[in-house]
Amino acid sequence: NSFKSFLPTEISDGLLSEFDNNEIIRDMLNPKMYV
């Protein structure tokens, strides 16, 4: 794809995306829900 999407076995590890310039973005870390 336009960038690489890496997925974990456990969601607690978050998600990782890697772009062509080797830039890495981690997300879905320490998620919370509230009103």
PDB file of all heavy atoms in Angstrom:
ATOM      1  N   ASN A   1       0.857  -1.177   0.000  1.00  0.00           N
ATOM      2  CA  ASN A   1       0.000   0.000   0.000  1.00  0.00           C
ATOM      3  C   ASN A   1       0.895   1.229   0.000  1.00  0.00           C
ATOM      4  O   ASN A   1       2.118   1.117  -0.062  1.00  0.00           O
ATOM      5  CB  ASN A   1      -0.912  -0.035   1.237  1.00  0.00           C
ATOM      6  CG  ASN A   1      -2.233   0.674   1.018  1.00  0.00           C
ATOM      7  OD1 ASN A   1      -2.334   1.631   0.254  1.00  0.00           O
ATOM      8  ND2 ASN A   1      -3.273   0.207   1.694  1.00  0.00           N
ATOM      9  N   SER A   2       0.296   2.405   0.115  1.00  0.00           N
ATOM     10  CA  SER A   2       1.078   3.643   0.144  1.00  0.00           C
ATOM     11  C   SER A   2       2.010   3.698   1.347  1.00  0.00           C
ATOM     12  O   SER A   2       3.012   4.401   1.333  1.00  0.00           O
ATOM     13  CB  SER A   2       0.138   4.850   0.177  1.00  0.00           C
ATOM     14  OG  SER A   2      -0.706   4.847  -0.944  1.00  0.00           O
ATOM     15  N   PHE A   3       1.658   3.001   2.407  1.00  0.00           N
ATOM     16  CA  PHE A   3       2.513   2.844   3.584  1.00  0.00           C
ATOM     17  C   PHE A   3       2.257   1.457   4.144  1.00  0.00           C
ATOM     18  O   PHE A   3       1.261   0.798   3.799  1.00  0.00           O
ATOM     19  CB  PHE A   3       2.230   3.932   4.634  1.00  0.00           C
ATOM     20  CG  PHE A   3       0.829   3.900   5.173  1.00  0.00           C
ATOM     21  CD1 PHE A   3       0.532   3.204   6.338  1.00  0.00           C
ATOM     22  CD2 PHE A   3      -0.203   4.555   4.514  1.00  0.00           C
ATOM     23  CE1 PHE A   3      -0.767   3.164   6.835  1.00  0.00           C
ATOM     24  CE2 PHE A   3      -1.506   4.517   5.006  1.00  0.00           C
ATOM     25  CZ  PHE A   3      -1.781   3.824   6.171  1.00  0.00           C
ATOM     26  N   LYS A   4       3.127   0.986   4.998  1.00  0.00           N
ATOM     27  CA  LYS A   4       3.005  -0.351   5.574  1.00  0.00           C
ATOM     28  C   LYS A   4       2.285  -0.263   6.919  1.00  0.00           C
ATOM     29  O   LYS A   4       2.629   0.565   7.768  1.00  0.00           O
ATOM     30  CB  LYS A   4       4.386  -0.990   5.758  1.00  0.00           C
ATOM     31  CG  LYS A   4       5.142  -1.218   4.460  1.00  0.00           C
ATOM     32  CD  LYS A   4       6.507  -1.848   4.737  1.00  0.00           C
ATOM     33  CE  LYS A   4       7.259  -2.155   3.448  1.00  0.00           C
ATOM     34  NZ  LYS A   4       7.648  -0.929   2.719  1.00  0.00           N
ATOM     35  N   SER A   5       1.292  -1.116   7.114  1.00  0.00           N
ATOM     36  CA  SER A   5       0.553  -1.185   8.362  1.00  0.00           C
ATOM     37  C   SER A   5       0.894  -2.482   9.079  1.00  0.00           C
ATOM     38  O   SER A   5       0.643  -3.570   8.552  1.00  0.00           O
ATOM     39  CB  SER A   5      -0.961  -1.135   8.098  1.00  0.00           C
ATOM     40  OG  SER A   5      -1.342   0.112   7.564  1.00  0.00           O
ATOM     41  N   PHE A   6       1.462  -2.364  10.271  1.00  0.00           N
ATOM     42  CA  PHE A   6       1.827  -3.530  11.079  1.00  0.00           C
ATOM     43  C   PHE A   6       0.812  -3.688  12.209  1.00  0.00           C
ATOM     44  O   PHE A   6       0.482  -2.726  12.900  1.00  0.00           O
ATOM     45  CB  PHE A   6       3.233  -3.363  11.658  1.00  0.00           C
ATOM     46  CG  PHE A   6       4.315  -3.415  10.614  1.00  0.00           C
ATOM     47  CD1 PHE A   6       4.676  -2.277   9.905  1.00  0.00           C
ATOM     48  CD2 PHE A   6       4.989  -4.601  10.341  1.00  0.00           C
ATOM     49  CE1 PHE A   6       5.676  -2.318   8.944  1.00  0.00           C
ATOM     50  CE2 PHE A   6       5.993  -4.656   9.385  1.00  0.00           C
ATOM     51  CZ  PHE A   6       6.337  -3.515   8.687  1.00  0.00           C
ATOM     52  N   LEU A   7       0.337  -4.929  12.395  1.00  0.00           N
ATOM     53  CA  LEU A   7      -0.694  -5.207  13.385  1.00  0.00           C
ATOM     54  C   LEU A   7      -0.175  -6.199  14.423  1.00  0.00           C
ATOM     55  O   LEU A   7       0.551  -7.140  14.093  1.00  0.00           O
ATOM     56  CB  LEU A   7      -1.935  -5.787  12.713  1.00  0.00           C
ATOM     57  CG  LEU A   7      -2.539  -4.960  11.558  1.00  0.00           C
ATOM     58  CD1 LEU A   7      -3.725  -5.686  10.963  1.00  0.00           C
ATOM     59  CD2 LEU A   7      -2.938  -3.584  12.044  1.00  0.00           C
ATOM     60  N   PRO A   8      -0.580  -6.025  15.679  1.00  0.00           N
ATOM     61  CA  PRO A   8      -0.098  -6.885  16.760  1.00  0.00           C
ATOM     62  C   PRO A   8      -1.022  -8.079  16.988  1.00  0.00           C
ATOM     63  O   PRO A   8      -2.132  -8.148  16.456  1.00  0.00           O
ATOM     64  CB  PRO A   8      -0.141  -5.955  17.969  1.00  0.00           C
ATOM     65  CG  PRO A   8      -1.388  -5.136  17.702  1.00  0.00           C
ATOM     66  CD  PRO A   8      -1.442  -4.938  16.199  1.00  0.00           C
ATOM     67  N   THR A   9      -0.560  -8.997  17.820  1.00  0.00           N
ATOM     68  CA  THR A   9      -1.441 -10.065  18.292  1.00  0.00           C
ATOM     69  C   THR A   9      -2.387  -9.526  19.361  1.00  0.00           C
ATOM     70  O   THR A   9      -3.575  -9.855  19.381  1.00  0.00           O
ATOM     71  CB  THR A   9      -0.620 -11.237  18.867  1.00  0.00           C
ATOM     72  OG1 THR A   9       0.215 -11.761  17.829  1.00  0.00           O
ATOM     73  CG2 THR A   9      -1.515 -12.334  19.390  1.00  0.00           C
ATOM     74  N   GLU A  10      -1.868  -8.689  20.249  1.00  0.00           N
ATOM     75  CA  GLU A  10      -2.660  -8.091  21.331  1.00  0.00           C
ATOM     76  C   GLU A  10      -2.772  -6.588  21.108  1.00  0.00           C
ATOM     77  O   GLU A  10      -1.767  -5.917  20.841  1.00  0.00           O
ATOM     78  CB  GLU A  10      -2.012  -8.372  22.690  1.00  0.00           C
ATOM     79  CG  GLU A  10      -1.790  -9.849  22.992  1.00  0.00           C
ATOM     80  CD  GLU A  10      -3.088 -10.602  23.198  1.00  0.00           C
ATOM     81  OE1 GLU A  10      -4.102  -9.935  23.523  1.00  0.00           O
ATOM     82  OE2 GLU A  10      -3.095 -11.843  23.038  1.00  0.00           O
ATOM     83  N   ILE A  11      -3.973  -6.049  21.231  1.00  0.00           N
ATOM     84  CA  ILE A  11      -4.189  -4.638  20.957  1.00  0.00           C
ATOM     85  C   ILE A  11      -3.413  -3.742  21.918  1.00  0.00           C
ATOM     86  O   ILE A  11      -3.134  -2.571  21.606  1.00  0.00           O
ATOM     87  CB  ILE A  11      -5.699  -4.295  20.991  1.00  0.00           C
ATOM     88  CG1 ILE A  11      -5.948  -2.896  20.429  1.00  0.00           C
ATOM     89  CG2 ILE A  11      -6.244  -4.455  22.404  1.00  0.00           C
ATOM     90  CD1 ILE A  11      -5.468  -2.703  19.012  1.00  0.00           C
ATOM     91  N   SER A  12      -3.017  -4.267  23.072  1.00  0.00           N
ATOM     92  CA  SER A  12      -2.245  -3.466  24.032  1.00  0.00           C
ATOM     93  C   SER A  12      -0.900  -3.033  23.465  1.00  0.00           C
ATOM     94  O   SER A  12      -0.290  -2.081  23.963  1.00  0.00           O
ATOM     95  CB  SER A  12      -2.035  -4.248  25.329  1.00  0.00           C
ATOM     96  OG  SER A  12      -1.385  -5.482  25.069  1.00  0.00           O
ATOM     97  N   ASP A  13      -0.416  -3.704  22.405  1.00  0.00           N
ATOM     98  CA  ASP A  13       0.838  -3.312  21.764  1.00  0.00           C
ATOM     99  C   ASP A  13       0.657  -2.156  20.792  1.00  0.00           C
ATOM    100  O   ASP A  13       1.631  -1.638  20.240  1.00  0.00           O
ATOM    101  CB  ASP A  13       1.461  -4.504  21.029  1.00  0.00           C
ATOM    102  CG  ASP A  13       1.982  -5.560  21.977  1.00  0.00           C
ATOM    103  OD1 ASP A  13       2.447  -5.190  23.065  1.00  0.00           O
ATOM    104  OD2 ASP A  13       1.920  -6.755  21.645  1.00  0.00           O
ATOM    105  N   GLY A  14      -0.579  -1.745  20.557  1.00  0.00           N
ATOM    106  CA  GLY A  14      -0.837  -0.648  19.645  1.00  0.00           C
ATOM    107  C   GLY A  14      -0.648  -1.047  18.188  1.00  0.00           C
ATOM    108  O   GLY A  14      -0.477  -2.226  17.856  1.00  0.00           O
ATOM    109  N   LEU A  15      -0.683  -0.054  17.309  1.00  0.00           N
ATOM    110  CA  LEU A  15      -0.521  -0.250  15.875  1.00  0.00           C
ATOM    111  C   LEU A  15       0.703   0.518  15.404  1.00  0.00           C
ATOM    112  O   LEU A  15       1.120   1.493  16.034  1.00  0.00           O
ATOM    113  CB  LEU A  15      -1.765   0.234  15.127  1.00  0.00           C
ATOM    114  CG  LEU A  15      -3.109  -0.339  15.597  1.00  0.00           C
ATOM    115  CD1 LEU A  15      -4.262   0.341  14.859  1.00  0.00           C
ATOM    116  CD2 LEU A  15      -3.165  -1.838  15.403  1.00  0.00           C
ATOM    117  N   LEU A  16       1.274   0.093  14.290  1.00  0.00           N
ATOM    118  CA  LEU A  16       2.484   0.741  13.772  1.00  0.00           C
ATOM    119  C   LEU A  16       2.349   0.934  12.274  1.00  0.00           C
ATOM    120  O   LEU A  16       1.931   0.023  11.551  1.00  0.00           O
ATOM    121  CB  LEU A  16       3.717  -0.102  14.101  1.00  0.00           C
ATOM    122  CG  LEU A  16       5.090   0.492  13.743  1.00  0.00           C
ATOM    123  CD1 LEU A  16       6.146   0.024  14.749  1.00  0.00           C
ATOM    124  CD2 LEU A  16       5.522   0.115  12.333  1.00  0.00           C
ATOM    125  N   SER A  17       2.730   2.122  11.805  1.00  0.00           N
ATOM    126  CA  SER A  17       2.744   2.425  10.375  1.00  0.00           C
ATOM    127  C   SER A  17       4.132   2.900   9.982  1.00  0.00           C
ATOM    128  O   SER A  17       4.764   3.681  10.706  1.00  0.00           O
ATOM    129  CB  SER A  17       1.712   3.504  10.033  1.00  0.00           C
ATOM    130  OG  SER A  17       0.414   3.067  10.370  1.00  0.00           O
ATOM    131  N   GLU A  18       4.584   2.432   8.827  1.00  0.00           N
ATOM    132  CA  GLU A  18       5.920   2.790   8.324  1.00  0.00           C
ATOM    133  C   GLU A  18       5.781   3.370   6.931  1.00  0.00           C
ATOM    134  O   GLU A  18       5.134   2.777   6.062  1.00  0.00           O
ATOM    135  CB  GLU A  18       6.830   1.559   8.305  1.00  0.00           C
ATOM    136  CG  GLU A  18       8.241   1.844   7.826  1.00  0.00           C
ATOM    137  CD  GLU A  18       9.114   0.599   7.856  1.00  0.00           C
ATOM    138  OE1 GLU A  18       9.636   0.261   8.929  1.00  0.00           O
ATOM    139  OE2 GLU A  18       9.234  -0.051   6.789  1.00  0.00           O
ATOM    140  N   PHE A  19       6.426   4.522   6.712  1.00  0.00           N
ATOM    141  CA  PHE A  19       6.333   5.224   5.443  1.00  0.00           C
ATOM    142  C   PHE A  19       7.630   5.070   4.644  1.00  0.00           C
ATOM    143  O   PHE A  19       8.638   4.589   5.160  1.00  0.00           O
ATOM    144  CB  PHE A  19       5.999   6.699   5.685  1.00  0.00           C
ATOM    145  CG  PHE A  19       4.658   6.894   6.345  1.00  0.00           C
ATOM    146  CD1 PHE A  19       4.532   6.840   7.725  1.00  0.00           C
ATOM    147  CD2 PHE A  19       3.519   7.081   5.581  1.00  0.00           C
ATOM    148  CE1 PHE A  19       3.293   6.994   8.331  1.00  0.00           C
ATOM    149  CE2 PHE A  19       2.277   7.232   6.189  1.00  0.00           C
ATOM    150  CZ  PHE A  19       2.165   7.183   7.570  1.00  0.00           C
ATOM    151  N   ASP A  20       7.589   5.514   3.373  1.00  0.00           N
ATOM    152  CA  ASP A  20       8.723   5.291   2.475  1.00  0.00           C
ATOM    153  C   ASP A  20      10.016   5.932   2.963  1.00  0.00           C
ATOM    154  O   ASP A  20      11.103   5.468   2.648  1.00  0.00           O
ATOM    155  CB  ASP A  20       8.396   5.825   1.068  1.00  0.00           C
ATOM    156  CG  ASP A  20       7.379   4.937   0.348  1.00  0.00           C
ATOM    157  OD1 ASP A  20       7.262   3.758   0.720  1.00  0.00           O
ATOM    158  OD2 ASP A  20       6.718   5.437  -0.583  1.00  0.00           O
ATOM    159  N   ASN A  21       9.915   7.014   3.693  1.00  0.00           N
ATOM    160  CA  ASN A  21      11.113   7.692   4.205  1.00  0.00           C
ATOM    161  C   ASN A  21      11.572   7.101   5.543  1.00  0.00           C
ATOM    162  O   ASN A  21      12.348   7.718   6.268  1.00  0.00           O
ATOM    163  CB  ASN A  21      10.857   9.184   4.352  1.00  0.00           C
ATOM    164  CG  ASN A  21       9.689   9.486   5.293  1.00  0.00           C
ATOM    165  OD1 ASN A  21       9.091   8.569   5.857  1.00  0.00           O
ATOM    166  ND2 ASN A  21       9.377  10.759   5.461  1.00  0.00           N
ATOM    167  N   ASN A  22      11.058   5.901   5.861  1.00  0.00           N
ATOM    168  CA  ASN A  22      11.372   5.190   7.117  1.00  0.00           C
ATOM    169  C   ASN A  22      10.800   5.877   8.346  1.00  0.00           C
ATOM    170  O   ASN A  22      11.163   5.516   9.473  1.00  0.00           O
ATOM    171  CB  ASN A  22      12.887   4.994   7.273  1.00  0.00           C
ATOM    172  CG  ASN A  22      13.451   4.039   6.238  1.00  0.00           C
ATOM    173  OD1 ASN A  22      12.818   3.034   5.896  1.00  0.00           O
ATOM    174  ND2 ASN A  22      14.629   4.357   5.714  1.00  0.00           N
ATOM    175  N   GLU A  23       9.924   6.842   8.140  1.00  0.00           N
ATOM    176  CA  GLU A  23       9.223   7.438   9.274  1.00  0.00           C
ATOM    177  C   GLU A  23       8.255   6.413   9.855  1.00  0.00           C
ATOM    178  O   GLU A  23       7.558   5.709   9.121  1.00  0.00           O
ATOM    179  CB  GLU A  23       8.456   8.684   8.843  1.00  0.00           C
ATOM    180  CG  GLU A  23       7.684   9.349   9.978  1.00  0.00           C
ATOM    181  CD  GLU A  23       6.861  10.529   9.509  1.00  0.00           C
ATOM    182  OE1 GLU A  23       6.857  10.817   8.293  1.00  0.00           O
ATOM    183  OE2 GLU A  23       6.207  11.146  10.374  1.00  0.00           O
ATOM    184  N   ILE A  24       8.214   6.323  11.161  1.00  0.00           N
ATOM    185  CA  ILE A  24       7.349   5.368  11.853  1.00  0.00           C
ATOM    186  C   ILE A  24       6.384   6.122  12.754  1.00  0.00           C
ATOM    187  O   ILE A  24       6.780   7.054  13.472  1.00  0.00           O
ATOM    188  CB  ILE A  24       8.184   4.368  12.679  1.00  0.00           C
ATOM    189  CG1 ILE A  24       8.980   3.449  11.744  1.00  0.00           C
ATOM    190  CG2 ILE A  24       7.293   3.536  13.606  1.00  0.00           C
ATOM    191  CD1 ILE A  24       9.941   2.545  12.470  1.00  0.00           C
ATOM    192  N   ILE A  25       5.127   5.746  12.713  1.00  0.00           N
ATOM    193  CA  ILE A  25       4.111   6.307  13.597  1.00  0.00           C
ATOM    194  C   ILE A  25       3.471   5.172  14.377  1.00  0.00           C
ATOM    195  O   ILE A  25       3.003   4.188  13.801  1.00  0.00           O
ATOM    196  CB  ILE A  25       3.036   7.083  12.807  1.00  0.00           C
ATOM    197  CG1 ILE A  25       3.615   8.365  12.223  1.00  0.00           C
ATOM    198  CG2 ILE A  25       1.846   7.420  13.713  1.00  0.00           C
ATOM    199  CD1 ILE A  25       2.630   9.198  11.428  1.00  0.00           C
ATOM    200  N   ARG A  26       3.477   5.296  15.699  1.00  0.00           N
ATOM    201  CA  ARG A  26       2.781   4.356  16.578  1.00  0.00           C
ATOM    202  C   ARG A  26       1.473   5.012  17.033  1.00  0.00           C
ATOM    203  O   ARG A  26       1.443   6.204  17.332  1.00  0.00           O
ATOM    204  CB  ARG A  26       3.645   4.031  17.796  1.00  0.00           C
ATOM    205  CG  ARG A  26       4.940   3.287  17.497  1.00  0.00           C
ATOM    206  CD  ARG A  26       4.719   1.814  17.207  1.00  0.00           C
ATOM    207  NE  ARG A  26       3.962   1.136  18.259  1.00  0.00           N
ATOM    208  CZ  ARG A  26       4.510   0.615  19.357  1.00  0.00           C
ATOM    209  NH1 ARG A  26       5.824   0.697  19.547  1.00  0.00           N
ATOM    210  NH2 ARG A  26       3.765  -0.014  20.253  1.00  0.00           N
ATOM    211  N   ASP A  27       0.437   4.245  17.083  1.00  0.00           N
ATOM    212  CA  ASP A  27      -0.826   4.771  17.590  1.00  0.00           C
ATOM    213  C   ASP A  27      -1.607   3.653  18.272  1.00  0.00           C
ATOM    214  O   ASP A  27      -1.134   2.515  18.361  1.00  0.00           O
ATOM    215  CB  ASP A  27      -1.649   5.432  16.477  1.00  0.00           C
ATOM    216  CG  ASP A  27      -2.127   4.443  15.436  1.00  0.00           C
ATOM    217  OD1 ASP A  27      -1.297   3.874  14.716  1.00  0.00           O
ATOM    218  OD2 ASP A  27      -3.343   4.241  15.324  1.00  0.00           O
ATOM    219  N   MET A  28      -2.803   3.996  18.740  1.00  0.00           N
ATOM    220  CA  MET A  28      -3.625   3.106  19.548  1.00  0.00           C
ATOM    221  C   MET A  28      -2.875   2.685  20.824  1.00  0.00           C
ATOM    222  O   MET A  28      -2.948   1.551  21.282  1.00  0.00           O
ATOM    223  CB  MET A  28      -4.073   1.884  18.743  1.00  0.00           C
ATOM    224  CG  MET A  28      -5.331   1.209  19.276  1.00  0.00           C
ATOM    225  SD  MET A  28      -6.798   2.275  19.346  1.00  0.00           S
ATOM    226  CE  MET A  28      -7.169   2.477  17.588  1.00  0.00           C
ATOM    227  N   LEU A  29      -2.149   3.648  21.391  1.00  0.00           N
ATOM    228  CA  LEU A  29      -1.417   3.418  22.631  1.00  0.00           C
ATOM    229  C   LEU A  29      -2.174   4.068  23.793  1.00  0.00           C
ATOM    230  O   LEU A  29      -2.651   5.199  23.681  1.00  0.00           O
ATOM    231  CB  LEU A  29      -0.004   4.007  22.535  1.00  0.00           C
ATOM    232  CG  LEU A  29       0.894   3.422  21.436  1.00  0.00           C
ATOM    233  CD1 LEU A  29       2.189   4.215  21.338  1.00  0.00           C
ATOM    234  CD2 LEU A  29       1.180   1.955  21.704  1.00  0.00           C
ATOM    235  N   ASN A  30      -2.276   3.342  24.886  1.00  0.00           N
ATOM    236  CA  ASN A  30      -2.941   3.830  26.092  1.00  0.00           C
ATOM    237  C   ASN A  30      -4.345   4.385  25.801  1.00  0.00           C
ATOM    238  O   ASN A  30      -4.689   5.493  26.228  1.00  0.00           O
ATOM    239  CB  ASN A  30      -2.084   4.912  26.764  1.00  0.00           C
ATOM    240  CG  ASN A  30      -2.515   5.184  28.188  1.00  0.00           C
ATOM    241  OD1 ASN A  30      -3.050   4.315  28.865  1.00  0.00           O
ATOM    242  ND2 ASN A  30      -2.292   6.412  28.640  1.00  0.00           N
ATOM    243  N   PRO A  31      -5.179   3.632  25.097  1.00  0.00           N
ATOM    244  CA  PRO A  31      -6.514   4.150  24.746  1.00  0.00           C
ATOM    245  C   PRO A  31      -7.427   4.209  25.971  1.00  0.00           C
ATOM    246  O   PRO A  31      -7.328   3.392  26.887  1.00  0.00           O
ATOM    247  CB  PRO A  31      -7.039   3.120  23.741  1.00  0.00           C
ATOM    248  CG  PRO A  31      -5.888   2.215  23.434  1.00  0.00           C
ATOM    249  CD  PRO A  31      -4.966   2.291  24.591  1.00  0.00           C
ATOM    250  N   LYS A  32      -8.336   5.181  25.935  1.00  0.00           N
ATOM    251  CA  LYS A  32      -9.301   5.348  27.017  1.00  0.00           C
ATOM    252  C   LYS A  32     -10.642   5.772  26.423  1.00  0.00           C
ATOM    253  O   LYS A  32     -10.710   6.335  25.331  1.00  0.00           O
ATOM    254  CB  LYS A  32      -8.835   6.405  28.016  1.00  0.00           C
ATOM    255  CG  LYS A  32      -7.507   6.106  28.691  1.00  0.00           C
ATOM    256  CD  LYS A  32      -7.126   7.222  29.648  1.00  0.00           C
ATOM    257  CE  LYS A  32      -5.729   7.008  30.217  1.00  0.00           C
ATOM    258  NZ  LYS A  32      -5.628   5.771  31.001  1.00  0.00           N
ATOM    259  N   MET A  33     -11.695   5.501  27.175  1.00  0.00           N
ATOM    260  CA  MET A  33     -13.037   5.951  26.814  1.00  0.00           C
ATOM    261  C   MET A  33     -13.627   6.671  28.023  1.00  0.00           C
ATOM    262  O   MET A  33     -13.450   6.241  29.163  1.00  0.00           O
ATOM    263  CB  MET A  33     -13.917   4.751  26.437  1.00  0.00           C
ATOM    264  CG  MET A  33     -15.349   5.116  26.105  1.00  0.00           C
ATOM    265  SD  MET A  33     -16.368   3.663  25.666  1.00  0.00           S
ATOM    266  CE  MET A  33     -16.477   2.850  27.278  1.00  0.00           C
ATOM    267  N   TYR A  34     -14.318   7.778  27.762  1.00  0.00           N
ATOM    268  CA  TYR A  34     -14.991   8.493  28.844  1.00  0.00           C
ATOM    269  C   TYR A  34     -16.118   9.341  28.263  1.00  0.00           C
ATOM    270  O   TYR A  34     -16.190   9.567  27.052  1.00  0.00           O
ATOM    271  CB  TYR A  34     -14.009   9.374  29.629  1.00  0.00           C
ATOM    272  CG  TYR A  34     -13.305  10.429  28.804  1.00  0.00           C
ATOM    273  CD1 TYR A  34     -13.881  11.683  28.578  1.00  0.00           C
ATOM    274  CD2 TYR A  34     -12.046  10.178  28.256  1.00  0.00           C
ATOM    275  CE1 TYR A  34     -13.225  12.646  27.832  1.00  0.00           C
ATOM    276  CE2 TYR A  34     -11.382  11.131  27.510  1.00  0.00           C
ATOM    277  CZ  TYR A  34     -11.973  12.371  27.299  1.00  0.00           C
ATOM    278  OH  TYR A  34     -11.334  13.323  26.551  1.00  0.00           O
ATOM    279  N   VAL A  35     -17.010   9.789  29.125  1.00  0.00           N
ATOM    280  CA  VAL A  35     -18.045  10.733  28.717  1.00  0.00           C
ATOM    281  C   VAL A  35     -17.623  12.127  29.181  1.00  0.00           C
ATOM    282  O   VAL A  35     -16.834  12.284  30.107  1.00  0.00           O
ATOM    283  CB  VAL A  35     -19.429  10.360  29.274  1.00  0.00           C
ATOM    284  CG1 VAL A  35     -19.932   9.078  28.630  1.00  0.00           C
ATOM    285  CG2 VAL A  35     -19.400  10.238  30.793  1.00  0.00           C
TER     286      VAL A  35
END
